[in-house]
């Protein structure tokens, strides 16, 4: 929902509970529950995916930044269509 500037952000490391809470924040969250006949997203599986990616990122000390966009969710299956990773020390925000 980035195109609508309707996002939830966290710094890694997050667990599945925090990821599930993030999914409740965007205004467009009703789309995740199924809309106009579209199947509902498996929120538990999606939250676990976010937690797993967060854990992988937090453990990759060589990785400074990662951007996954888009991540395509289709019911209970997920596809990371594009990912950009920056290698090096984490950037410090002023």
Foldseek 3Di string as FASTA:
>chain_A
DVVVVFAFDDADQDALVVLLVRLVRGPPSVVQCPDPNAHHAPSSLVSHVVNVVRVVQVPPQQWQDKDQPPWDTHRNDIDRPDMDTDGDHHDDDD
